[in-house]
Amino acid sequence: MQYGKLEYSKGFPNLLEAESTVFLNDEFHRISARVKREMGYLDSKRILFDWEESLKKFIKKEFQS
């Protein structure tokens, strides 16, 4: 999770600020809970994929408006 955020932060340094970090951490936990509820177990590949998609949407909304 942190690696993905660090890679994206090269183009968007504000992504490492506390507000973004807290939001994305909360999003990771929401995604994890949703995947566990839907699948009955924590599928790390699906969680990472969904989180990265959420990260892309967040960047588009916050930094490319």
PDB file of N, CA and C in Angstrom:
ATOM      1  N   MET A   1       0.830  -1.185   0.000  1.00  0.00           N
ATOM      2  CA  MET A   1       0.000   0.000   0.000  1.00  0.00           C
ATOM      3  C   MET A   1       0.875   1.250   0.000  1.00  0.00           C
ATOM      4  N   GLN A   2       1.850   1.306   0.900  1.00  0.00           N
ATOM      5  CA  GLN A   2       2.693   2.498   0.980  1.00  0.00           C
ATOM      6  C   GLN A   2       3.538   2.651  -0.277  1.00  0.00           C
ATOM      7  N   TYR A   3       3.988   1.532  -0.852  1.00  0.00           N
ATOM      8  CA  TYR A   3       4.791   1.599  -2.065  1.00  0.00           C
ATOM      9  C   TYR A   3       4.006   2.273  -3.184  1.00  0.00           C
ATOM     10  N   GLY A   4       2.750   1.890  -3.358  1.00  0.00           N
ATOM     11  CA  GLY A   4       1.910   2.490  -4.396  1.00  0.00           C
ATOM     12  C   GLY A   4       1.752   3.978  -4.182  1.00  0.00           C
ATOM     13  N   LYS A   5       1.540   4.368  -2.948  1.00  0.00           N
ATOM     14  CA  LYS A   5       1.367   5.785  -2.635  1.00  0.00           C
ATOM     15  C   LYS A   5       2.670   6.543  -2.894  1.00  0.00           C
ATOM     16  N   LEU A   6       3.792   5.951  -2.548  1.00  0.00           N
ATOM     17  CA  LEU A   6       5.077   6.606  -2.791  1.00  0.00           C
ATOM     18  C   LEU A   6       5.339   6.763  -4.282  1.00  0.00           C
ATOM     19  N   GLU A   7       5.006   5.757  -5.062  1.00  0.00           N
ATOM     20  CA  GLU A   7       5.191   5.855  -6.504  1.00  0.00           C
ATOM     21  C   GLU A   7       4.363   6.986  -7.087  1.00  0.00           C
ATOM     22  N   TYR A   8       3.112   7.077  -6.701  1.00  0.00           N
ATOM     23  CA  TYR A   8       2.230   8.132  -7.204  1.00  0.00           C
ATOM     24  C   TYR A   8       2.637   9.509  -6.687  1.00  0.00           C
ATOM     25  N   SER A   9       3.239   9.565  -5.505  1.00  0.00           N
ATOM     26  CA  SER A   9       3.582  10.857  -4.906  1.00  0.00           C
ATOM     27  C   SER A   9       4.708  11.558  -5.655  1.00  0.00           C
ATOM     28  N   LYS A  10       5.430  10.847  -6.505  1.00  0.00           N
ATOM     29  CA  LYS A  10       6.487  11.494  -7.281  1.00  0.00           C
ATOM     30  C   LYS A  10       5.904  12.615  -8.138  1.00  0.00           C
ATOM     31  N   GLY A  11       4.705  12.419  -8.636  1.00  0.00           N
ATOM     32  CA  GLY A  11       4.050  13.445  -9.432  1.00  0.00           C
ATOM     33  C   GLY A  11       3.147  14.358  -8.617  1.00  0.00           C
ATOM     34  N   PHE A  12       2.804  13.927  -7.398  1.00  0.00           N
ATOM     35  CA  PHE A  12       1.880  14.671  -6.546  1.00  0.00           C
ATOM     36  C   PHE A  12       2.412  14.665  -5.106  1.00  0.00           C
ATOM     37  N   PRO A  13       3.400  15.512  -4.793  1.00  0.00           N
ATOM     38  CA  PRO A  13       4.020  15.476  -3.464  1.00  0.00           C
ATOM     39  C   PRO A  13       3.042  15.706  -2.311  1.00  0.00           C
ATOM     40  N   ASN A  14       1.961  16.432  -2.544  1.00  0.00           N
ATOM     41  CA  ASN A  14       0.983  16.667  -1.473  1.00  0.00           C
ATOM     42  C   ASN A  14       0.263  15.388  -1.065  1.00  0.00           C
ATOM     43  N   LEU A  15       0.418  14.338  -1.836  1.00  0.00           N
ATOM     44  CA  LEU A  15      -0.203  13.051  -1.515  1.00  0.00           C
ATOM     45  C   LEU A  15       0.337  12.494  -0.199  1.00  0.00           C
ATOM     46  N   LEU A  16       1.523  12.922   0.204  1.00  0.00           N
ATOM     47  CA  LEU A  16       2.133  12.424   1.438  1.00  0.00           C
ATOM     48  C   LEU A  16       1.737  13.233   2.666  1.00  0.00           C
ATOM     49  N   GLU A  17       0.942  14.272   2.478  1.00  0.00           N
ATOM     50  CA  GLU A  17       0.482  15.075   3.609  1.00  0.00           C
ATOM     51  C   GLU A  17      -0.475  14.265   4.484  1.00  0.00           C
ATOM     52  N   ALA A  18      -0.605  14.676   5.735  1.00  0.00           N
ATOM     53  CA  ALA A  18      -1.387  13.928   6.725  1.00  0.00           C
ATOM     54  C   ALA A  18      -2.834  13.700   6.296  1.00  0.00           C
ATOM     55  N   GLU A  19      -3.481  14.733   5.766  1.00  0.00           N
ATOM     56  CA  GLU A  19      -4.895  14.602   5.389  1.00  0.00           C
ATOM     57  C   GLU A  19      -5.098  13.504   4.347  1.00  0.00           C
ATOM     58  N   SER A  20      -4.240  13.477   3.342  1.00  0.00           N
ATOM     59  CA  SER A  20      -4.337  12.450   2.301  1.00  0.00           C
ATOM     60  C   SER A  20      -4.023  11.076   2.869  1.00  0.00           C
ATOM     61  N   THR A  21      -2.998  11.012   3.706  1.00  0.00           N
ATOM     62  CA  THR A  21      -2.588   9.729   4.285  1.00  0.00           C
ATOM     63  C   THR A  21      -3.698   9.134   5.140  1.00  0.00           C
ATOM     64  N   VAL A  22      -4.323   9.957   5.968  1.00  0.00           N
ATOM     65  CA  VAL A  22      -5.410   9.471   6.825  1.00  0.00           C
ATOM     66  C   VAL A  22      -6.581   8.989   5.973  1.00  0.00           C
ATOM     67  N   PHE A  23      -6.967   9.771   4.967  1.00  0.00           N
ATOM     68  CA  PHE A  23      -8.076   9.372   4.101  1.00  0.00           C
ATOM     69  C   PHE A  23      -7.777   8.038   3.415  1.00  0.00           C
ATOM     70  N   LEU A  24      -6.582   7.906   2.840  1.00  0.00           N
ATOM     71  CA  LEU A  24      -6.246   6.687   2.101  1.00  0.00           C
ATOM     72  C   LEU A  24      -6.097   5.475   3.018  1.00  0.00           C
ATOM     73  N   ASN A  25      -5.645   5.690   4.241  1.00  0.00           N
ATOM     74  CA  ASN A  25      -5.578   4.599   5.209  1.00  0.00           C
ATOM     75  C   ASN A  25      -6.989   4.129   5.586  1.00  0.00           C
ATOM     76  N   ASP A  26      -7.871   5.089   5.829  1.00  0.00           N
ATOM     77  CA  ASP A  26      -9.269   4.741   6.128  1.00  0.00           C
ATOM     78  C   ASP A  26      -9.900   4.011   4.949  1.00  0.00           C
ATOM     79  N   GLU A  27      -9.602   4.458   3.740  1.00  0.00           N
ATOM     80  CA  GLU A  27     -10.139   3.822   2.541  1.00  0.00           C
ATOM     81  C   GLU A  27      -9.657   2.373   2.442  1.00  0.00           C
ATOM     82  N   PHE A  28      -8.389   2.139   2.774  1.00  0.00           N
ATOM     83  CA  PHE A  28      -7.845   0.783   2.769  1.00  0.00           C
ATOM     84  C   PHE A  28      -8.630  -0.121   3.723  1.00  0.00           C
ATOM     85  N   HIS A  29      -8.941   0.395   4.904  1.00  0.00           N
ATOM     86  CA  HIS A  29      -9.682  -0.400   5.889  1.00  0.00           C
ATOM     87  C   HIS A  29     -11.138  -0.623   5.451  1.00  0.00           C
ATOM     88  N   ARG A  30     -11.744   0.378   4.827  1.00  0.00           N
ATOM     89  CA  ARG A  30     -13.110   0.201   4.302  1.00  0.00           C
ATOM     90  C   ARG A  30     -13.128  -0.859   3.202  1.00  0.00           C
ATOM     91  N   ILE A  31     -12.153  -0.806   2.319  1.00  0.00           N
ATOM     92  CA  ILE A  31     -12.065  -1.795   1.230  1.00  0.00           C
ATOM     93  C   ILE A  31     -11.833  -3.181   1.804  1.00  0.00           C
ATOM     94  N   SER A  32     -10.940  -3.296   2.770  1.00  0.00           N
ATOM     95  CA  SER A  32     -10.656  -4.599   3.390  1.00  0.00           C
ATOM     96  C   SER A  32     -11.915  -5.193   4.011  1.00  0.00           C
ATOM     97  N   ALA A  33     -12.666  -4.368   4.727  1.00  0.00           N
ATOM     98  CA  ALA A  33     -13.898  -4.847   5.359  1.00  0.00           C
ATOM     99  C   ALA A  33     -14.924  -5.272   4.311  1.00  0.00           C
ATOM    100  N   ARG A  34     -15.033  -4.494   3.228  1.00  0.00           N
ATOM    101  CA  ARG A  34     -15.989  -4.829   2.172  1.00  0.00           C
ATOM    102  C   ARG A  34     -15.609  -6.144   1.491  1.00  0.00           C
ATOM    103  N   VAL A  35     -14.331  -6.325   1.196  1.00  0.00           N
ATOM    104  CA  VAL A  35     -13.876  -7.559   0.548  1.00  0.00           C
ATOM    105  C   VAL A  35     -14.122  -8.750   1.468  1.00  0.00           C
ATOM    106  N   LYS A  36     -13.843  -8.605   2.745  1.00  0.00           N
ATOM    107  CA  LYS A  36     -14.068  -9.706   3.688  1.00  0.00           C
ATOM    108  C   LYS A  36     -15.555 -10.043   3.780  1.00  0.00           C
ATOM    109  N   ARG A  37     -16.393  -9.024   3.793  1.00  0.00           N
ATOM    110  CA  ARG A  37     -17.842  -9.237   3.854  1.00  0.00           C
ATOM    111  C   ARG A  37     -18.333  -9.945   2.583  1.00  0.00           C
ATOM    112  N   GLU A  38     -17.832  -9.529   1.422  1.00  0.00           N
ATOM    113  CA  GLU A  38     -18.284 -10.108   0.157  1.00  0.00           C
ATOM    114  C   GLU A  38     -17.728 -11.500  -0.100  1.00  0.00           C
ATOM    115  N   MET A  39     -16.456 -11.724   0.260  1.00  0.00           N
ATOM    116  CA  MET A  39     -15.799 -12.981  -0.103  1.00  0.00           C
ATOM    117  C   MET A  39     -15.670 -13.955   1.069  1.00  0.00           C
ATOM    118  N   GLY A  40     -15.796 -13.445   2.273  1.00  0.00           N
ATOM    119  CA  GLY A  40     -15.648 -14.307   3.441  1.00  0.00           C
ATOM    120  C   GLY A  40     -14.205 -14.425   3.925  1.00  0.00           C
ATOM    121  N   TYR A  41     -13.287 -13.817   3.207  1.00  0.00           N
ATOM    122  CA  TYR A  41     -11.880 -13.810   3.604  1.00  0.00           C
ATOM    123  C   TYR A  41     -11.214 -12.577   3.000  1.00  0.00           C
ATOM    124  N   LEU A  42     -10.026 -12.262   3.492  1.00  0.00           N
ATOM    125  CA  LEU A  42      -9.289 -11.104   2.989  1.00  0.00           C
ATOM    126  C   LEU A  42      -8.448 -11.524   1.780  1.00  0.00           C
ATOM    127  N   ASP A  43      -8.845 -11.093   0.623  1.00  0.00           N
ATOM    128  CA  ASP A  43      -8.113 -11.378  -0.616  1.00  0.00           C
ATOM    129  C   ASP A  43      -7.180 -10.201  -0.881  1.00  0.00           C
ATOM    130  N   SER A  44      -5.901 -10.368  -0.572  1.00  0.00           N
ATOM    131  CA  SER A  44      -4.967  -9.243  -0.635  1.00  0.00           C
ATOM    132  C   SER A  44      -4.818  -8.673  -2.042  1.00  0.00           C
ATOM    133  N   LYS A  45      -4.887  -9.506  -3.058  1.00  0.00           N
ATOM    134  CA  LYS A  45      -4.769  -8.997  -4.428  1.00  0.00           C
ATOM    135  C   LYS A  45      -5.955  -8.102  -4.784  1.00  0.00           C
ATOM    136  N   ARG A  46      -7.134  -8.525  -4.392  1.00  0.00           N
ATOM    137  CA  ARG A  46      -8.327  -7.710  -4.677  1.00  0.00           C
ATOM    138  C   ARG A  46      -8.313  -6.420  -3.860  1.00  0.00           C
ATOM    139  N   ILE A  47      -7.908  -6.505  -2.616  1.00  0.00           N
ATOM    140  CA  ILE A  47      -7.836  -5.321  -1.773  1.00  0.00           C
ATOM    141  C   ILE A  47      -6.854  -4.317  -2.370  1.00  0.00           C
ATOM    142  N   LEU A  48      -5.682  -4.782  -2.756  1.00  0.00           N
ATOM    143  CA  LEU A  48      -4.686  -3.893  -3.333  1.00  0.00           C
ATOM    144  C   LEU A  48      -5.184  -3.280  -4.640  1.00  0.00           C
ATOM    145  N   PHE A  49      -5.818  -4.082  -5.485  1.00  0.00           N
ATOM    146  CA  PHE A  49      -6.353  -3.566  -6.746  1.00  0.00           C
ATOM    147  C   PHE A  49      -7.399  -2.490  -6.487  1.00  0.00           C
ATOM    148  N   ASP A  50      -8.356  -2.796  -5.611  1.00  0.00           N
ATOM    149  CA  ASP A  50      -9.422  -1.829  -5.303  1.00  0.00           C
ATOM    150  C   ASP A  50      -8.859  -0.564  -4.664  1.00  0.00           C
ATOM    151  N   TRP A  51      -7.860  -0.720  -3.780  1.00  0.00           N
ATOM    152  CA  TRP A  51      -7.264   0.436  -3.135  1.00  0.00           C
ATOM    153  C   TRP A  51      -6.529   1.305  -4.153  1.00  0.00           C
ATOM    154  N   GLU A  52      -5.820   0.678  -5.079  1.00  0.00           N
ATOM    155  CA  GLU A  52      -5.102   1.461  -6.084  1.00  0.00           C
ATOM    156  C   GLU A  52      -6.077   2.214  -6.993  1.00  0.00           C
ATOM    157  N   GLU A  53      -7.207   1.589  -7.311  1.00  0.00           N
ATOM    158  CA  GLU A  53      -8.231   2.292  -8.093  1.00  0.00           C
ATOM    159  C   GLU A  53      -8.768   3.489  -7.307  1.00  0.00           C
ATOM    160  N   SER A  54      -8.968   3.306  -6.016  1.00  0.00           N
ATOM    161  CA  SER A  54      -9.425   4.389  -5.157  1.00  0.00           C
ATOM    162  C   SER A  54      -8.376   5.500  -5.099  1.00  0.00           C
ATOM    163  N   LEU A  55      -7.116   5.133  -5.037  1.00  0.00           N
ATOM    164  CA  LEU A  55      -6.023   6.099  -5.035  1.00  0.00           C
ATOM    165  C   LEU A  55      -6.034   6.933  -6.316  1.00  0.00           C
ATOM    166  N   LYS A  56      -6.220   6.290  -7.448  1.00  0.00           N
ATOM    167  CA  LYS A  56      -6.271   7.005  -8.730  1.00  0.00           C
ATOM    168  C   LYS A  56      -7.436   7.992  -8.756  1.00  0.00           C
ATOM    169  N   LYS A  57      -8.597   7.570  -8.270  1.00  0.00           N
ATOM    170  CA  LYS A  57      -9.756   8.468  -8.217  1.00  0.00           C
ATOM    171  C   LYS A  57      -9.490   9.645  -7.279  1.00  0.00           C
ATOM    172  N   PHE A  58      -8.851   9.363  -6.147  1.00  0.00           N
ATOM    173  CA  PHE A  58      -8.542  10.402  -5.184  1.00  0.00           C
ATOM    174  C   PHE A  58      -7.609  11.440  -5.803  1.00  0.00           C
ATOM    175  N   ILE A  59      -6.574  10.978  -6.495  1.00  0.00           N
ATOM    176  CA  ILE A  59      -5.631  11.890  -7.147  1.00  0.00           C
ATOM    177  C   ILE A  59      -6.342  12.744  -8.182  1.00  0.00           C
ATOM    178  N   LYS A  60      -7.174  12.104  -8.982  1.00  0.00           N
ATOM    179  CA  LYS A  60      -7.893  12.837 -10.023  1.00  0.00           C
ATOM    180  C   LYS A  60      -8.794  13.915  -9.397  1.00  0.00           C
ATOM    181  N   LYS A  61      -9.480  13.551  -8.324  1.00  0.00           N
ATOM    182  CA  LYS A  61     -10.409  14.480  -7.669  1.00  0.00           C
ATOM    183  C   LYS A  61      -9.671  15.613  -6.950  1.00  0.00           C
ATOM    184  N   GLU A  62      -8.621  15.290  -6.226  1.00  0.00           N
ATOM    185  CA  GLU A  62      -7.960  16.266  -5.360  1.00  0.00           C
ATOM    186  C   GLU A  62      -6.891  17.107  -6.071  1.00  0.00           C
ATOM    187  N   PHE A  63      -6.214  16.525  -7.039  1.00  0.00           N
ATOM    188  CA  PHE A  63      -5.042  17.193  -7.588  1.00  0.00           C
ATOM    189  C   PHE A  63      -5.147  17.545  -9.075  1.00  0.00           C
ATOM    190  N   GLN A  64      -6.137  17.012  -9.755  1.00  0.00           N
ATOM    191  CA  GLN A  64      -6.221  17.276 -11.180  1.00  0.00           C
ATOM    192  C   GLN A  64      -7.525  17.970 -11.561  1.00  0.00           C
ATOM    193  N   SER A  65      -8.154  18.607 -10.601  1.00  0.00           N
ATOM    194  CA  SER A  65      -9.419  19.291 -10.866  1.00  0.00           C
ATOM    195  C   SER A  65      -9.203  20.576 -11.625  1.00  0.00           C
TER     196      SER A  65
END
